[in-house]
C-alpha atoms as a PDB file:
ATOM      1  CA  MET A   1     107.244  72.986 100.291  1.00  0.00           C
ATOM      2  CA  SER A   2     107.238  69.948 102.601  1.00  0.00           C
ATOM      3  CA  SER A   3     104.751  69.981 105.435  1.00  0.00           C
ATOM      4  CA  TYR A   4     107.504  70.300 108.064  1.00  0.00           C
ATOM      5  CA  CYS A   5     108.973  73.283 106.243  1.00  0.00           C
ATOM      6  CA  ARG A   6     105.497  74.882 106.369  1.00  0.00           C
ATOM      7  CA  ILE A   7     104.642  74.210 110.016  1.00  0.00           C
ATOM      8  CA  ALA A   8     108.018  74.470 111.764  1.00  0.00           C
ATOM      9  CA  PRO A   9     109.091  78.096 111.155  1.00  0.00           C
ATOM     10  CA  GLY A  10     108.016  80.278 114.049  1.00  0.00           C
ATOM     11  CA  HIS A  11     107.061  77.365 116.310  1.00  0.00           C
ATOM     12  CA  PRO A  12     108.891  77.591 119.676  1.00  0.00           C
ATOM     13  CA  LEU A  13     110.336  74.043 119.443  1.00  0.00           C
ATOM     14  CA  HIS A  14     110.011  72.976 115.808  1.00  0.00           C
ATOM     15  CA  GLY A  15     111.287  76.338 114.510  1.00  0.00           C
ATOM     16  CA  PRO A  16     114.798  76.272 115.996  1.00  0.00           C
ATOM     17  CA  TYR A  17     115.203  72.559 115.183  1.00  0.00           C
ATOM     18  CA  HIS A  18     114.068  73.099 111.568  1.00  0.00           C
ATOM     19  CA  ASP A  19     116.156  76.226 111.047  1.00  0.00           C
ATOM     20  CA  LEU A  20     119.366  75.265 112.839  1.00  0.00           C
ATOM     21  CA  HIS A  21     119.653  71.484 113.088  1.00  0.00           C
ATOM     22  CA  TYR A  22     117.452  69.461 110.739  1.00  0.00           C
ATOM     23  CA  GLY A  23     119.438  68.331 107.693  1.00  0.00           C
ATOM     24  CA  PHE A  24     122.699  69.946 108.753  1.00  0.00           C
ATOM     25  CA  PRO A  25     125.845  67.806 108.931  1.00  0.00           C
ATOM     26  CA  VAL A  26     126.733  66.476 112.378  1.00  0.00           C
ATOM     27  CA  HIS A  27     130.281  65.326 113.086  1.00  0.00           C
ATOM     28  CA  ASP A  28     130.503  65.145 116.874  1.00  0.00           C
ATOM     29  CA  GLU A  29     130.099  61.645 118.317  1.00  0.00           C
ATOM     30  CA  SER A  30     127.862  62.628 121.223  1.00  0.00           C
ATOM     31  CA  ALA A  31     125.674  64.796 118.959  1.00  0.00           C
ATOM     32  CA  LEU A  32     125.259  61.917 116.496  1.00  0.00           C
ATOM     33  CA  PHE A  33     124.481  59.535 119.346  1.00  0.00           C
ATOM     34  CA  GLU A  34     121.962  62.012 120.743  1.00  0.00           C
ATOM     35  CA  ARG A  35     120.195  62.277 117.400  1.00  0.00           C
ATOM     36  CA  LEU A  36     120.077  58.475 117.080  1.00  0.00           C
ATOM     37  CA  VAL A  37     118.645  58.074 120.599  1.00  0.00           C
ATOM     38  CA  LEU A  38     116.066  60.812 119.998  1.00  0.00           C
ATOM     39  CA  GLU A  39     114.983  59.260 116.692  1.00  0.00           C
ATOM     40  CA  ILE A  40     114.642  55.855 118.352  1.00  0.00           C
ATOM     41  CA  ASN A  41     112.576  57.361 121.150  1.00  0.00           C
ATOM     42  CA  GLN A  42     110.341  59.183 118.683  1.00  0.00           C
ATOM     43  CA  ALA A  43     109.049  55.864 117.305  1.00  0.00           C
ATOM     44  CA  GLY A  44     105.307  55.835 117.909  1.00  0.00           C
ATOM     45  CA  LEU A  45     105.289  59.397 119.248  1.00  0.00           C
ATOM     46  CA  SER A  46     105.323  62.918 117.862  1.00  0.00           C
ATOM     47  CA  TRP A  47     108.580  64.729 117.197  1.00  0.00           C
ATOM     48  CA  LEU A  48     107.213  67.599 119.292  1.00  0.00           C
ATOM     49  CA  THR A  49     107.115  65.266 122.316  1.00  0.00           C
ATOM     50  CA  ILE A  50     110.803  64.453 121.775  1.00  0.00           C
ATOM     51  CA  LEU A  51     111.832  68.080 121.261  1.00  0.00           C
ATOM     52  CA  ALA A  52     110.011  69.033 124.478  1.00  0.00           C
ATOM     53  CA  LYS A  53     111.967  66.356 126.372  1.00  0.00           C
ATOM     54  CA  GLN A  54     115.339  66.887 124.673  1.00  0.00           C
ATOM     55  CA  ASP A  55     116.989  68.608 127.650  1.00  0.00           C
ATOM     56  CA  ASN A  56     115.676  65.868 129.947  1.00  0.00           C
ATOM     57  CA  PHE A  57     117.192  63.235 127.652  1.00  0.00           C
ATOM     58  CA  ARG A  58     120.568  65.021 127.736  1.00  0.00           C
ATOM     59  CA  ARG A  59     120.522  65.092 131.516  1.00  0.00           C
ATOM     60  CA  ALA A  60     119.290  61.497 131.881  1.00  0.00           C
ATOM     61  CA  TYR A  61     121.827  60.097 129.391  1.00  0.00           C
ATOM     62  CA  ASP A  62     124.859  61.943 130.824  1.00  0.00           C
ATOM     63  CA  GLY A  63     125.062  64.449 127.970  1.00  0.00           C
ATOM     64  CA  PHE A  64     125.033  61.520 125.531  1.00  0.00           C
ATOM     65  CA  ASP A  65     128.574  60.625 126.478  1.00  0.00           C
ATOM     66  CA  VAL A  66     128.983  57.339 124.604  1.00  0.00           C
ATOM     67  CA  ASP A  67     131.339  55.703 127.097  1.00  0.00           C
ATOM     68  CA  SER A  68     129.155  56.595 130.078  1.00  0.00           C
ATOM     69  CA  VAL A  69     125.992  55.240 128.461  1.00  0.00           C
ATOM     70  CA  ALA A  70     127.741  52.092 127.191  1.00  0.00           C
ATOM     71  CA  ALA A  71     128.713  51.316 130.799  1.00  0.00           C
ATOM     72  CA  TYR A  72     125.161  51.588 132.172  1.00  0.00           C
ATOM     73  CA  GLY A  73     124.109  48.644 134.273  1.00  0.00           C
ATOM     74  CA  PRO A  74     120.876  47.619 136.003  1.00  0.00           C
ATOM     75  CA  ALA A  75     120.881  50.616 138.403  1.00  0.00           C
ATOM     76  CA  GLN A  76     121.116  53.130 135.537  1.00  0.00           C
ATOM     77  CA  VAL A  77     118.439  51.270 133.552  1.00  0.00           C
ATOM     78  CA  GLN A  78     116.107  51.472 136.540  1.00  0.00           C
ATOM     79  CA  ARG A  79     116.948  55.164 136.984  1.00  0.00           C
ATOM     80  CA  LEU A  80     115.937  55.773 133.366  1.00  0.00           C
ATOM     81  CA  LEU A  81     112.772  53.693 133.712  1.00  0.00           C
ATOM     82  CA  ASP A  82     111.826  55.814 136.740  1.00  0.00           C
ATOM     83  CA  ASP A  83     112.556  59.180 135.034  1.00  0.00           C
ATOM     84  CA  PRO A  84     109.276  60.897 134.027  1.00  0.00           C
ATOM     85  CA  GLY A  85     111.207  63.463 131.954  1.00  0.00           C
ATOM     86  CA  ILE A  86     112.089  60.967 129.217  1.00  0.00           C
ATOM     87  CA  ILE A  87     110.406  58.139 127.306  1.00  0.00           C
ATOM     88  CA  ARG A  88     110.408  55.219 129.746  1.00  0.00           C
ATOM     89  CA  ASN A  89     110.503  52.293 127.368  1.00  0.00           C
ATOM     90  CA  ARG A  90     112.720  49.358 128.337  1.00  0.00           C
ATOM     91  CA  LEU A  91     113.446  48.364 124.705  1.00  0.00           C
ATOM     92  CA  LYS A  92     114.426  51.911 123.735  1.00  0.00           C
ATOM     93  CA  ILE A  93     116.640  52.262 126.807  1.00  0.00           C
ATOM     94  CA  ALA A  94     118.309  48.917 126.082  1.00  0.00           C
ATOM     95  CA  ALA A  95     118.851  50.003 122.472  1.00  0.00           C
ATOM     96  CA  ALA A  96     120.516  53.242 123.586  1.00  0.00           C
ATOM     97  CA  ILE A  97     122.928  51.352 125.858  1.00  0.00           C
ATOM     98  CA  HIS A  98     123.695  48.712 123.235  1.00  0.00           C
ATOM     99  CA  ASN A  99     124.136  51.317 120.490  1.00  0.00           C
ATOM    100  CA  ALA A 100     126.496  53.335 122.701  1.00  0.00           C
ATOM    101  CA  GLY A 101     128.701  50.244 122.941  1.00  0.00           C
ATOM    102  CA  VAL A 102     128.592  49.797 119.172  1.00  0.00           C
ATOM    103  CA  ILE A 103     129.518  53.445 118.616  1.00  0.00           C
ATOM    104  CA  ALA A 104     132.433  53.139 121.047  1.00  0.00           C
ATOM    105  CA  GLY A 105     133.619  50.155 118.999  1.00  0.00           C
ATOM    106  CA  LEU A 106     133.431  52.185 115.802  1.00  0.00           C
ATOM    107  CA  ARG A 107     136.317  54.292 117.112  1.00  0.00           C
ATOM    108  CA  HIS A 108     138.564  51.253 116.804  1.00  0.00           C
ATOM    109  CA  SER A 109     137.224  49.928 113.509  1.00  0.00           C
ATOM    110  CA  HIS A 110     136.690  53.220 111.653  1.00  0.00           C
ATOM    111  CA  GLY A 111     137.938  56.109 113.787  1.00  0.00           C
ATOM    112  CA  GLY A 112     134.466  56.989 115.108  1.00  0.00           C
ATOM    113  CA  PHE A 113     130.768  57.140 114.290  1.00  0.00           C
ATOM    114  CA  HIS A 114     131.099  59.964 111.761  1.00  0.00           C
ATOM    115  CA  ALA A 115     133.997  58.191 110.039  1.00  0.00           C
ATOM    116  CA  TRP A 116     131.901  54.998 109.892  1.00  0.00           C
ATOM    117  CA  LEU A 117     129.061  56.909 108.239  1.00  0.00           C
ATOM    118  CA  ALA A 118     131.513  58.513 105.795  1.00  0.00           C
ATOM    119  CA  ALA A 119     133.060  55.127 104.982  1.00  0.00           C
ATOM    120  CA  HIS A 120     129.633  53.818 103.922  1.00  0.00           C
ATOM    121  CA  HIS A 121     128.521  56.928 102.041  1.00  0.00           C
ATOM    122  CA  PRO A 122     126.927  57.238  99.571  1.00  0.00           C
ATOM    123  CA  ARG A 123     124.112  54.725  99.617  1.00  0.00           C
ATOM    124  CA  ASP A 124     120.398  54.858  99.116  1.00  0.00           C
ATOM    125  CA  LYS A 125     117.953  54.536 101.992  1.00  0.00           C
ATOM    126  CA  PRO A 126     117.329  50.763 101.626  1.00  0.00           C
ATOM    127  CA  ALA A 127     121.078  50.081 101.724  1.00  0.00           C
ATOM    128  CA  TRP A 128     121.502  52.329 104.758  1.00  0.00           C
ATOM    129  CA  VAL A 129     118.580  50.642 106.534  1.00  0.00           C
ATOM    130  CA  LYS A 130     120.085  47.213 105.910  1.00  0.00           C
ATOM    131  CA  LEU A 131     123.450  48.381 107.263  1.00  0.00           C
ATOM    132  CA  PHE A 132     121.888  49.990 110.343  1.00  0.00           C
ATOM    133  CA  LYS A 133     119.804  46.889 111.095  1.00  0.00           C
ATOM    134  CA  GLN A 134     122.997  44.804 110.935  1.00  0.00           C
ATOM    135  CA  THR A 135     124.866  47.234 113.184  1.00  0.00           C
ATOM    136  CA  PHE A 136     122.479  48.809 115.692  1.00  0.00           C
ATOM    137  CA  ARG A 137     119.315  47.962 117.620  1.00  0.00           C
ATOM    138  CA  PHE A 138     115.874  49.528 117.134  1.00  0.00           C
ATOM    139  CA  THR A 139     116.805  51.045 113.771  1.00  0.00           C
ATOM    140  CA  GLY A 140     114.049  50.282 111.308  1.00  0.00           C
ATOM    141  CA  GLY A 141     113.418  52.130 108.079  1.00  0.00           C
ATOM    142  CA  GLU A 142     111.747  55.231 109.467  1.00  0.00           C
ATOM    143  CA  ILE A 143     114.180  55.680 112.343  1.00  0.00           C
ATOM    144  CA  THR A 144     117.220  55.157 110.133  1.00  0.00           C
ATOM    145  CA  GLY A 145     115.847  57.374 107.364  1.00  0.00           C
ATOM    146  CA  GLU A 146     115.038  60.229 109.736  1.00  0.00           C
ATOM    147  CA  PHE A 147     118.391  59.923 111.490  1.00  0.00           C
ATOM    148  CA  LEU A 148     120.239  60.096 108.163  1.00  0.00           C
ATOM    149  CA  MET A 149     118.096  62.947 106.807  1.00  0.00           C
ATOM    150  CA  SER A 150     118.420  64.897 110.035  1.00  0.00           C
ATOM    151  CA  THR A 151     122.224  64.604 110.003  1.00  0.00           C
ATOM    152  CA  GLY A 152     122.706  65.379 106.310  1.00  0.00           C
ATOM    153  CA  TRP A 153     123.444  61.909 104.928  1.00  0.00           C
ATOM    154  CA  LEU A 154     120.184  61.521 102.990  1.00  0.00           C
ATOM    155  CA  PRO A 155     118.202  64.187 101.135  1.00  0.00           C
ATOM    156  CA  GLY A 156     114.661  65.159 102.018  1.00  0.00           C
ATOM    157  CA  ALA A 157     114.952  67.153 105.233  1.00  0.00           C
ATOM    158  CA  HIS A 158     113.822  70.321 103.468  1.00  0.00           C
ATOM    159  CA  ALA A 159     111.857  71.100 100.359  1.00  0.00           C
ATOM    160  CA  ALA A 160     113.916  72.696  97.585  1.00  0.00           C
ATOM    161  CA  ASP A 161     112.003  75.959  98.013  1.00  0.00           C
ATOM    162  CA  CYS A 162     112.660  76.106 101.767  1.00  0.00           C
ATOM    163  CA  PRO A 163     115.280  78.763 102.594  1.00  0.00           C
ATOM    164  CA  VAL A 164     117.051  76.324 104.943  1.00  0.00           C
ATOM    165  CA  HIS A 165     117.591  73.793 102.122  1.00  0.00           C
ATOM    166  CA  ALA A 166     120.435  75.795 100.569  1.00  0.00           C
ATOM    167  CA  ARG A 167     121.987  76.374 103.985  1.00  0.00           C
ATOM    168  CA  THR A 168     122.213  72.616 104.611  1.00  0.00           C
ATOM    169  CA  ILE A 169     123.964  72.171 101.266  1.00  0.00           C
ATOM    170  CA  ASN A 170     126.341  75.068 101.975  1.00  0.00           C
ATOM    171  CA  ALA A 171     127.097  73.535 105.378  1.00  0.00           C
ATOM    172  CA  GLY A 172     128.300  70.377 103.585  1.00  0.00           C
ATOM    173  CA  ALA A 173     125.385  67.938 103.760  1.00  0.00           C
ATOM    174  CA  ALA A 174     126.883  64.671 102.529  1.00  0.00           C
ATOM    175  CA  TRP A 175     123.959  63.811 100.244  1.00  0.00           C
ATOM    176  CA  ALA A 176     124.631  66.943  98.196  1.00  0.00           C
ATOM    177  CA  GLN A 177     128.247  66.052  97.450  1.00  0.00           C
ATOM    178  CA  ASP A 178     129.243  65.158  93.888  1.00  0.00           C
ATOM    179  CA  PHE A 179     128.438  61.509  93.170  1.00  0.00           C
ATOM    180  CA  SER A 180     130.077  61.536  89.740  1.00  0.00           C
ATOM    181  CA  SER A 181     133.554  60.379  90.706  1.00  0.00           C
ATOM    182  CA  GLY A 182     132.933  56.726  89.943  1.00  0.00           C
ATOM    183  CA  PRO A 183     130.401  53.913  89.749  1.00  0.00           C
ATOM    184  CA  GLY A 184     130.909  52.897  93.394  1.00  0.00           C
ATOM    185  CA  ASN A 185     130.080  56.425  94.485  1.00  0.00           C
ATOM    186  CA  ALA A 186     126.566  56.629  93.079  1.00  0.00           C
ATOM    187  CA  PRO A 187     123.729  56.573  95.612  1.00  0.00           C
ATOM    188  CA  GLY A 188     123.139  52.958  96.520  1.00  0.00           C
ATOM    189  CA  GLY A 189     126.748  52.033  95.866  1.00  0.00           C
ATOM    190  CA  GLY A 190     129.385  51.268  98.465  1.00  0.00           C
END
């Protein structure tokens, strides 16, 4: 069993995230944006720190409403930099605002963030990382990989012997879908 699957169950913050969110498909735009912002903010920190601040992030970033965050100007940036309840990193804040604008644009080009992800699925992690680096800010390999695992696009969130693993598949995790319908549909294709 993976180390997270061993340590998370029963923990007051890791447990609910592991059992109810990690690896499950996410379709809602604000929920996807939230997960992306949280993964970006986790860079260099522990996931426990992020989980402990998750409610503060929701409040500070207007419930992760994409249009609201995309419209943030200097006053909102300063408000975020002054907020002790979140990670006060200028580059991460700028990335969240920029990425909100990109996600808003995906509505016009693809019908939304989830539809954009679906349009590029399936691919392997290196192909996803390349795409994310071309599209978003502050999305290196670890951030992109964790975002995609946590939202069901890449495998690896749970060990095969973890009871939650089967639940993520039954919930429709994209990585578990049948890749046999053609050469362009194999992982790494697209």
